[in-house]
C-alpha atoms as a PDB file:
ATOM      1  CA  MET A   1      82.446  84.233 110.330  1.00  0.00           C
ATOM      2  CA  HIS A   2      82.283  88.284 109.836  1.00  0.00           C
ATOM      3  CA  LEU A   3      82.900  91.357 112.136  1.00  0.00           C
ATOM      4  CA  ASP A   4      79.932  93.071 113.858  1.00  0.00           C
ATOM      5  CA  LEU A   5      80.721  97.037 114.496  1.00  0.00           C
ATOM      6  CA  GLY A   6      78.615  98.798 116.692  1.00  0.00           C
ATOM      7  CA  VAL A   7      78.414 102.084 115.606  1.00  0.00           C
ATOM      8  CA  THR A   8      76.684 105.034 117.047  1.00  0.00           C
ATOM      9  CA  ASP A   9      76.130 107.251 113.638  1.00  0.00           C
ATOM     10  CA  LEU A  10      75.510 104.754 110.805  1.00  0.00           C
ATOM     11  CA  GLU A  11      75.853 107.634 108.179  1.00  0.00           C
ATOM     12  CA  ALA A  12      79.474 108.665 109.279  1.00  0.00           C
ATOM     13  CA  ALA A  13      80.610 104.830 109.688  1.00  0.00           C
ATOM     14  CA  HIS A  14      79.473 104.147 106.322  1.00  0.00           C
ATOM     15  CA  ASP A  15      81.233 107.059 104.856  1.00  0.00           C
ATOM     16  CA  GLU A  16      84.318 106.077 106.643  1.00  0.00           C
ATOM     17  CA  VAL A  17      84.373 102.716 105.496  1.00  0.00           C
ATOM     18  CA  MET A  18      83.669 103.515 101.741  1.00  0.00           C
ATOM     19  CA  ALA A  19      86.332 105.883 101.988  1.00  0.00           C
ATOM     20  CA  LEU A  20      88.704 102.890 103.024  1.00  0.00           C
ATOM     21  CA  GLY A  21      87.526 100.917 100.108  1.00  0.00           C
ATOM     22  CA  ALA A  22      84.863  99.009 101.317  1.00  0.00           C
ATOM     23  CA  THR A  23      81.875  97.750  99.223  1.00  0.00           C
ATOM     24  CA  LEU A  24      78.248  98.244 100.019  1.00  0.00           C
ATOM     25  CA  LEU A  25      76.653  94.542 100.129  1.00  0.00           C
ATOM     26  CA  GLN A  26      73.123  95.212 101.634  1.00  0.00           C
ATOM     27  CA  ALA A  27      71.878  98.884 102.987  1.00  0.00           C
ATOM     28  CA  ALA A  28      69.736  98.827 105.893  1.00  0.00           C
ATOM     29  CA  PRO A  29      65.953  98.694 104.981  1.00  0.00           C
ATOM     30  CA  ASP A  30      65.249 101.784 107.239  1.00  0.00           C
ATOM     31  CA  PRO A  31      68.302 103.639 108.845  1.00  0.00           C
ATOM     32  CA  ASP A  32      65.951 105.134 110.866  1.00  0.00           C
ATOM     33  CA  ALA A  33      65.146 101.985 113.013  1.00  0.00           C
ATOM     34  CA  ASP A  34      65.986 101.860 116.639  1.00  0.00           C
ATOM     35  CA  GLU A  35      67.908  98.234 115.733  1.00  0.00           C
ATOM     36  CA  LEU A  36      69.228  97.306 112.640  1.00  0.00           C
ATOM     37  CA  PHE A  37      72.705  96.307 110.497  1.00  0.00           C
ATOM     38  CA  GLN A  38      73.947  97.527 107.277  1.00  0.00           C
ATOM     39  CA  VAL A  39      76.549  94.544 105.285  1.00  0.00           C
ATOM     40  CA  HIS A  40      79.607  95.770 103.873  1.00  0.00           C
ATOM     41  CA  ALA A  41      82.843  93.953 102.348  1.00  0.00           C
ATOM     42  CA  ASP A  42      86.275  94.970 103.016  1.00  0.00           C
ATOM     43  CA  PRO A  43      88.471  95.398  99.610  1.00  0.00           C
ATOM     44  CA  GLY A  44      89.454  91.764 100.073  1.00  0.00           C
ATOM     45  CA  GLY A  45      85.758  90.789  99.837  1.00  0.00           C
ATOM     46  CA  HIS A  46      85.645  89.926 103.542  1.00  0.00           C
ATOM     47  CA  PRO A  47      81.821  90.622 104.797  1.00  0.00           C
ATOM     48  CA  PHE A  48      81.304  92.968 107.889  1.00  0.00           C
ATOM     49  CA  CYS A  49      78.474  94.443 109.357  1.00  0.00           C
ATOM     50  CA  LEU A  50      77.685  97.983 111.028  1.00  0.00           C
ATOM     51  CA  CYS A  51      75.240  97.416 113.997  1.00  0.00           C
ATOM     52  CA  TRP A  52      73.313  99.748 115.933  1.00  0.00           C
ATOM     53  CA  TYR A  53      70.684 100.084 118.591  1.00  0.00           C
ATOM     54  CA  ARG A  54      69.215 103.358 119.693  1.00  0.00           C
ATOM     55  CA  ARG A  55      67.704 103.333 123.051  1.00  0.00           C
ATOM     56  CA  PRO A  56      63.679 104.385 122.974  1.00  0.00           C
ATOM     57  CA  ALA A  57      63.227 107.811 124.706  1.00  0.00           C
END
């Protein structure tokens, strides 16, 4: 089991979790995609995802 955290700004959320000691496990292949996720691990090694969804204009 892991957490999926919905974010509106991937870059800001990534910077924040990294500053708190997270490790990037799997970068999003296309950070500009409308729907995707990026996998991190907390300092204890537990995985979590930063997820986002952008509505088409």
